[in-house]
Protein backbone atom coordinates (compact mmCIF):
# COMPACT_ATOMS: atom_id res chain seq x y z
CA UNK A 1 -66.63 104.64 -28.51
CA UNK A 2 -64.36 102.46 -26.47
CA UNK A 3 -63.30 98.92 -27.56
CA UNK A 4 -64.88 96.05 -25.74
CA UNK A 5 -62.57 94.28 -23.34
CA UNK A 6 -64.84 91.59 -21.91
CA UNK A 7 -68.02 89.69 -22.52
CA UNK A 8 -69.86 91.94 -20.06
CA UNK A 9 -68.98 95.08 -22.07
CA UNK A 10 -69.71 93.27 -25.31
CA UNK A 11 -73.19 92.40 -23.91
CA UNK A 12 -73.89 95.95 -22.88
CA UNK A 13 -72.82 97.21 -26.35
CA UNK A 14 -75.06 94.73 -27.98
CA UNK A 15 -78.10 95.69 -25.82
CA UNK A 16 -77.41 99.28 -26.72
CA UNK A 17 -77.31 98.49 -30.32
CA UNK A 18 -80.66 96.53 -30.19
CA UNK A 19 -82.27 99.40 -28.32
CA UNK A 20 -81.13 102.17 -30.63
CA UNK A 21 -80.89 100.56 -34.06
CA UNK A 22 -84.43 101.65 -35.25
CA UNK A 23 -84.09 105.17 -33.75
CA UNK A 24 -83.01 108.36 -35.24
CA UNK A 25 -80.36 108.88 -32.60
CA UNK A 26 -76.92 110.31 -33.80
CA UNK A 27 -73.94 108.17 -32.88
CA UNK A 28 -70.53 109.88 -32.70
CA UNK A 29 -67.12 108.09 -33.06
CA UNK A 30 -63.89 109.91 -32.28
CA UNK A 31 -60.46 109.20 -33.89
CA UNK A 32 -58.47 111.81 -32.12
CA UNK A 33 -55.92 110.28 -29.77
CA UNK A 34 -53.26 112.63 -31.13
CA UNK A 35 -50.57 110.08 -31.74
CA UNK A 36 -48.85 108.97 -34.97
CA UNK A 37 -49.47 105.60 -36.50
CA UNK A 38 -45.94 104.17 -36.28
CA UNK A 39 -44.26 102.43 -39.13
CA UNK A 40 -46.17 99.49 -40.51
CA UNK A 41 -43.04 97.32 -40.83
CA UNK A 42 -42.35 97.67 -37.27
CA UNK A 43 -45.83 96.74 -36.24
CA UNK A 44 -46.12 93.75 -38.61
CA UNK A 45 -42.84 92.38 -37.32
CA UNK A 46 -44.52 91.69 -34.03
CA UNK A 47 -48.19 92.50 -34.10
CA UNK A 48 -48.59 91.18 -30.59
CA UNK A 49 -45.58 93.11 -29.37
CA UNK A 50 -43.79 89.80 -28.51
CA UNK A 51 -40.59 90.17 -30.65
CA UNK A 52 -37.71 88.10 -29.23
CA UNK A 53 -38.59 88.80 -25.65
CA UNK A 54 -39.51 85.93 -23.31
CA UNK A 55 -42.86 85.97 -21.63
CA UNK A 56 -44.38 83.83 -19.02
CA UNK A 57 -47.44 81.85 -20.06
CA UNK A 58 -49.66 84.23 -18.10
CA UNK A 59 -48.20 87.32 -19.76
CA UNK A 60 -48.48 85.68 -23.18
CA UNK A 61 -52.08 84.74 -22.68
CA UNK A 62 -52.96 88.17 -21.37
CA UNK A 63 -51.46 89.87 -24.40
CA UNK A 64 -53.34 87.47 -26.77
CA UNK A 65 -56.52 88.17 -24.85
CA UNK A 66 -56.45 91.90 -25.20
CA UNK A 67 -55.06 91.67 -28.75
CA UNK A 68 -58.14 89.63 -29.78
CA UNK A 69 -60.68 91.80 -27.95
CA UNK A 70 -59.29 94.95 -29.46
CA UNK A 71 -60.09 93.51 -33.02
CA UNK A 72 -63.64 92.51 -32.34
CA UNK A 73 -66.08 94.99 -34.22
CA UNK A 74 -68.55 96.39 -31.65
CA UNK A 75 -72.27 96.25 -32.58
CA UNK A 76 -72.64 99.91 -31.95
CA UNK A 77 -69.99 100.65 -34.53
CA UNK A 78 -72.63 99.85 -37.25
CA UNK A 79 -74.79 102.76 -36.00
CA UNK A 80 -72.20 105.44 -36.23
CA UNK A 81 -73.43 108.48 -38.06
CA UNK A 82 -70.51 110.96 -37.35
CA UNK A 83 -66.88 110.61 -36.93
CA UNK A 84 -64.74 113.35 -35.32
CA UNK A 85 -61.22 113.16 -36.60
CA UNK A 86 -57.95 114.96 -35.87
CA UNK A 87 -55.15 115.26 -38.46
CA UNK A 88 -54.88 114.76 -42.11
CA UNK A 89 -53.79 111.19 -41.81
CA UNK A 90 -56.98 110.19 -40.22
CA UNK A 91 -59.10 112.41 -42.52
CA UNK A 92 -57.63 110.42 -45.50
CA UNK A 93 -58.38 107.06 -43.65
CA UNK A 94 -62.02 108.02 -43.15
CA UNK A 95 -63.63 106.49 -46.20
CA UNK A 96 -67.00 105.40 -44.93
CA UNK A 97 -69.55 107.11 -47.34
CA UNK A 98 -72.49 107.02 -44.94
CA UNK A 99 -70.52 108.62 -42.05
CA UNK A 100 -70.15 112.38 -41.87
CA UNK A 101 -66.59 113.47 -40.99
CA UNK A 102 -66.19 116.29 -38.47
CA UNK A 103 -62.82 118.03 -38.62
CA UNK A 104 -61.71 118.50 -35.03
CA UNK A 105 -58.72 118.24 -32.74
CA UNK A 106 -56.97 115.64 -30.57
CA UNK A 107 -57.73 115.94 -26.86
CA UNK A 108 -54.60 117.99 -26.06
CA UNK A 109 -54.99 120.30 -29.01
CA UNK A 110 -58.61 120.89 -28.01
CA UNK A 111 -57.43 121.86 -24.52
CA UNK A 112 -55.10 124.31 -26.13
CA UNK A 113 -57.88 125.83 -28.22
CA UNK A 114 -60.17 125.94 -25.15
CA UNK A 115 -57.49 127.52 -22.95
CA UNK A 116 -57.19 130.67 -25.17
CA UNK A 117 -60.13 132.11 -23.33
CA UNK A 118 -59.76 130.54 -19.93
CA UNK A 119 -57.52 131.95 -17.15
CA UNK A 120 -55.20 129.43 -15.28
CA UNK A 121 -53.64 129.78 -11.96
CA UNK A 122 -50.49 127.70 -12.23
CA UNK A 123 -47.44 129.81 -12.89
CA UNK A 124 -43.71 129.41 -13.01
CA UNK A 125 -41.49 132.32 -12.13
CA UNK A 126 -38.15 131.02 -13.48
CA UNK A 127 -37.06 129.35 -16.72
CA UNK A 128 -38.34 125.84 -16.37
CA UNK A 129 -38.01 122.29 -17.73
CA UNK A 130 -41.16 120.37 -17.71
CA UNK A 131 -41.10 116.65 -17.08
CA UNK A 132 -44.33 115.06 -18.30
CA UNK A 133 -44.63 112.13 -15.95
CA UNK A 134 -46.11 108.70 -16.52
CA UNK A 135 -47.76 106.75 -13.63
CA UNK A 136 -45.39 103.90 -13.52
CA UNK A 137 -43.49 102.34 -12.06
CA UNK A 138 -45.02 103.18 -8.64
CA UNK A 139 -48.56 103.59 -9.82
CA UNK A 140 -50.45 101.43 -12.19
CA UNK A 141 -50.25 102.31 -15.89
CA UNK A 142 -51.80 101.22 -19.20
CA UNK A 143 -49.49 98.15 -19.04
CA UNK A 144 -51.96 96.60 -16.68
CA UNK A 145 -54.57 96.71 -19.50
CA UNK A 146 -52.39 95.65 -22.37
CA UNK A 147 -50.68 92.73 -20.50
CA UNK A 148 -47.23 94.24 -21.07
CA UNK A 149 -44.52 93.73 -18.55
CA UNK A 150 -43.44 96.71 -16.43
CA UNK A 151 -39.61 96.87 -16.78
CA UNK A 152 -38.90 99.85 -14.51
CA UNK A 153 -38.44 99.46 -10.87
CA UNK A 154 -39.08 102.07 -8.15
CA UNK A 155 -35.67 101.70 -6.44
CA UNK A 156 -33.72 102.36 -9.69
CA UNK A 157 -35.96 104.64 -11.89
CA UNK A 158 -36.70 107.53 -9.47
CA UNK A 159 -33.13 108.06 -8.10
CA UNK A 160 -31.71 107.81 -11.68
CA UNK A 161 -34.42 110.37 -12.85
CA UNK A 162 -33.46 112.75 -9.99
CA UNK A 163 -29.75 112.56 -10.88
CA UNK A 164 -30.75 113.29 -14.56
CA UNK A 165 -32.76 116.27 -13.40
CA UNK A 166 -29.84 117.53 -11.30
CA UNK A 167 -27.63 117.58 -14.42
CA UNK A 168 -30.32 119.20 -16.63
CA UNK A 169 -30.83 122.07 -14.13
CA UNK A 170 -27.03 122.59 -13.94
CA UNK A 171 -26.45 122.50 -17.70
CA UNK A 172 -29.45 124.59 -18.81
CA UNK A 173 -29.78 126.96 -15.87
CA UNK A 174 -33.36 126.06 -15.20
CA UNK A 175 -35.36 124.24 -12.63
CA UNK A 176 -37.38 121.05 -13.39
CA UNK A 177 -41.01 120.97 -12.53
CA UNK A 178 -43.19 117.90 -12.79
CA UNK A 179 -46.50 117.63 -14.71
CA UNK A 180 -47.86 114.61 -12.89
CA UNK A 181 -50.05 111.95 -14.47
CA UNK A 182 -53.64 111.89 -13.33
CA UNK A 183 -53.37 108.21 -12.34
CA UNK A 184 -50.70 108.96 -9.82
CA UNK A 185 -50.88 110.53 -6.29
CA UNK A 186 -47.53 112.15 -5.49
CA UNK A 187 -48.74 113.16 -2.18
CA UNK A 188 -48.03 109.64 -0.99
CA UNK A 189 -44.41 110.11 -2.11
CA UNK A 190 -43.58 113.78 -1.54
CA UNK A 191 -39.77 113.29 -2.10
CA UNK A 192 -39.96 110.94 -5.05
CA UNK A 193 -38.73 113.79 -7.51
CA UNK A 194 -36.17 115.26 -5.04
CA UNK A 195 -38.61 117.84 -3.65
CA UNK A 196 -39.36 119.41 -6.94
CA UNK A 197 -42.71 121.08 -7.60
CA UNK A 198 -45.45 118.94 -8.83
CA UNK A 199 -48.51 120.09 -10.76
CA UNK A 200 -51.72 118.35 -11.75
CA UNK A 201 -53.86 119.51 -14.61
CA UNK A 202 -51.60 122.36 -15.88
CA UNK A 203 -49.54 120.64 -18.57
CA UNK A 204 -50.67 123.02 -21.23
CA UNK A 205 -49.57 126.12 -19.34
CA UNK A 206 -46.42 124.58 -17.94
CA UNK A 207 -45.26 123.50 -21.43
CA UNK A 208 -46.06 127.03 -22.92
CA UNK A 209 -43.83 128.68 -20.31
CA UNK A 210 -40.95 126.20 -20.36
CA UNK A 211 -37.66 126.11 -22.30
CA UNK A 212 -37.55 122.18 -22.55
CA UNK A 213 -39.97 119.36 -22.34
CA UNK A 214 -38.90 115.95 -21.05
CA UNK A 215 -41.00 112.89 -21.47
CA UNK A 216 -40.65 109.17 -21.59
CA UNK A 217 -43.93 108.27 -23.31
CA UNK A 218 -46.91 110.65 -23.30
CA UNK A 219 -49.55 111.94 -25.65
CA UNK A 220 -49.11 115.27 -23.92
CA UNK A 221 -46.00 115.56 -26.14
CA UNK A 222 -48.55 117.26 -28.30
CA UNK A 223 -48.21 120.49 -26.25
CA UNK A 224 -44.50 120.61 -27.08
CA UNK A 225 -45.40 120.41 -30.74
CA UNK A 226 -48.10 123.07 -30.32
CA UNK A 227 -45.80 125.54 -28.60
CA UNK A 228 -42.61 124.77 -30.63
CA UNK A 229 -40.73 123.52 -27.59
CA UNK A 230 -37.70 121.27 -27.84
CA UNK A 231 -38.17 117.86 -26.42
CA UNK A 232 -35.94 115.10 -24.89
CA UNK A 233 -37.39 111.66 -25.13
CA UNK A 234 -35.98 109.55 -22.27
CA UNK A 235 -35.47 105.98 -21.48
CA UNK A 236 -33.26 104.07 -19.03
CA UNK A 237 -31.12 100.89 -18.90
CA UNK A 238 -34.08 99.08 -17.56
CA UNK A 239 -36.65 100.39 -20.05
CA UNK A 240 -34.44 99.42 -23.05
CA UNK A 241 -36.13 96.06 -22.74
CA UNK A 242 -39.64 97.69 -23.00
CA UNK A 243 -40.71 97.51 -26.66
CA UNK A 244 -43.54 99.94 -26.17
CA UNK A 245 -41.49 102.70 -24.60
CA UNK A 246 -38.63 102.29 -27.04
CA UNK A 247 -40.90 102.22 -30.09
CA UNK A 248 -42.51 105.49 -28.92
CA UNK A 249 -39.15 107.23 -28.20
CA UNK A 250 -37.52 105.95 -31.37
CA UNK A 251 -40.38 107.06 -33.65
CA UNK A 252 -41.16 110.36 -31.90
CA UNK A 253 -37.44 111.29 -31.85
CA UNK A 254 -37.26 110.68 -35.64
CA UNK A 255 -40.60 112.35 -36.42
CA UNK A 256 -39.91 115.58 -34.51
CA UNK A 257 -36.15 115.45 -34.98
CA UNK A 258 -35.52 115.75 -31.27
CA UNK A 259 -32.94 113.78 -29.19
CA UNK A 260 -33.45 110.54 -27.35
CA UNK A 261 -31.42 110.28 -24.10
CA UNK A 262 -30.70 107.55 -21.59
CA UNK A 263 -31.06 108.99 -18.13
CA UNK A 264 -28.34 106.54 -16.85
CA UNK A 265 -25.77 108.17 -19.18
CA UNK A 266 -25.96 111.78 -18.04
CA UNK A 267 -22.64 112.53 -19.64
CA UNK A 268 -24.23 112.08 -23.02
CA UNK A 269 -26.85 114.85 -22.51
CA UNK A 270 -26.54 117.47 -25.34
CA UNK A 271 -24.58 120.39 -24.17
CA UNK A 272 -27.05 122.91 -25.69
CA UNK A 273 -30.81 122.88 -25.98
CA UNK A 274 -32.21 120.93 -28.93
CA UNK A 275 -33.13 123.00 -31.95
CA UNK A 276 -36.74 123.02 -33.14
CA UNK A 277 -37.41 122.87 -36.88
CA UNK A 278 -40.67 124.86 -37.23
CA UNK A 279 -41.73 123.20 -40.46
CA UNK A 280 -41.38 119.75 -38.92
CA UNK A 281 -43.44 120.68 -36.04
CA UNK A 282 -46.14 122.42 -38.19
CA UNK A 283 -46.29 119.21 -40.30
CA UNK A 284 -46.72 117.11 -37.15
CA UNK A 285 -49.47 119.35 -35.85
CA UNK A 286 -51.52 119.17 -39.18
CA UNK A 287 -50.86 115.43 -39.72
CA UNK A 288 -51.69 114.13 -36.30
CA UNK A 289 -53.05 116.78 -33.88
CA UNK A 290 -55.80 118.88 -35.76
CA UNK A 291 -57.92 119.13 -38.81
CA UNK A 292 -58.98 122.72 -37.89
CA UNK A 293 -55.96 124.59 -36.58
CA UNK A 294 -57.61 128.02 -36.26
CA UNK A 295 -61.21 126.98 -35.68
CA UNK A 296 -63.81 125.87 -33.13
CA UNK A 297 -63.47 123.53 -30.20
CA UNK A 298 -64.61 119.96 -30.49
CA UNK A 299 -67.78 120.72 -28.42
CA UNK A 300 -68.59 123.61 -30.75
CA UNK A 301 -68.03 121.43 -33.78
CA UNK A 302 -70.43 118.77 -32.35
CA UNK A 303 -73.01 121.35 -31.49
CA UNK A 304 -72.90 122.87 -34.98
CA UNK A 305 -72.61 119.70 -37.04
CA UNK A 306 -74.50 117.15 -35.04
CA UNK A 307 -76.96 118.67 -32.56
CA UNK A 308 -78.18 121.71 -34.60
CA UNK A 309 -78.80 119.43 -37.66
CA UNK A 310 -80.81 116.81 -35.70
């Protein structure tokens, strides 16, 4: 159930509520984004994400607009009968007595469970380092929806990233492949990653076969935690001013005990691959990614606990 972002979506939500409120229909809510809830003290210090940065009046009003819309309860939320949650944290936060909690998985863990019985065609023949890409700065990202400023620039980010990849390949005797974001279209920029292979829709398999995962800010970091792969959380001199990116890399680096690296300082790249602490990764999986680590897919849970009991 997506949050409303405009009067039009609020109106549609209200009409749906009025139509369904006296029916016996089951309404399912999902709390399974698969990301930690970062430290409250950091959020409360700047609930709008403004901090000490300077914003134009337009940027400020846009952030306030989306901040307020995100906190408006939707009429349909009062009809929820089932809630699918992923992770012990969200299980403990589900205290509504009239709502049945379904213990499932985040989206990426669910893909992992589903993939156990499905063949995939993407394959890497050498030791690989997987870069999990974000759409920006060339393609539109979630910053457009949240009103956050895009700090990275095309002319600086991509050349710096390629130099960083060159050094990783030399140091770790592996090739970098790119798991592209679905909002991007790399075919329009075939050389943007220095001619490296680009894959769409195979993040699960690519990470499972890799020796290292590199990411700036992605929920697909979950695959690294699933397969016990070391991770480098990257940022740049430009993105140091981006509170969203830095909050993600700071917290994820701390939670998973993996390094944070500035791509503009390639001489500071760790000389050996980061070491994974198995217990830390297991705790992360159980806390944030899944409430049923060895069980059914989300679709199977919904079929059993919602549809078959209608």
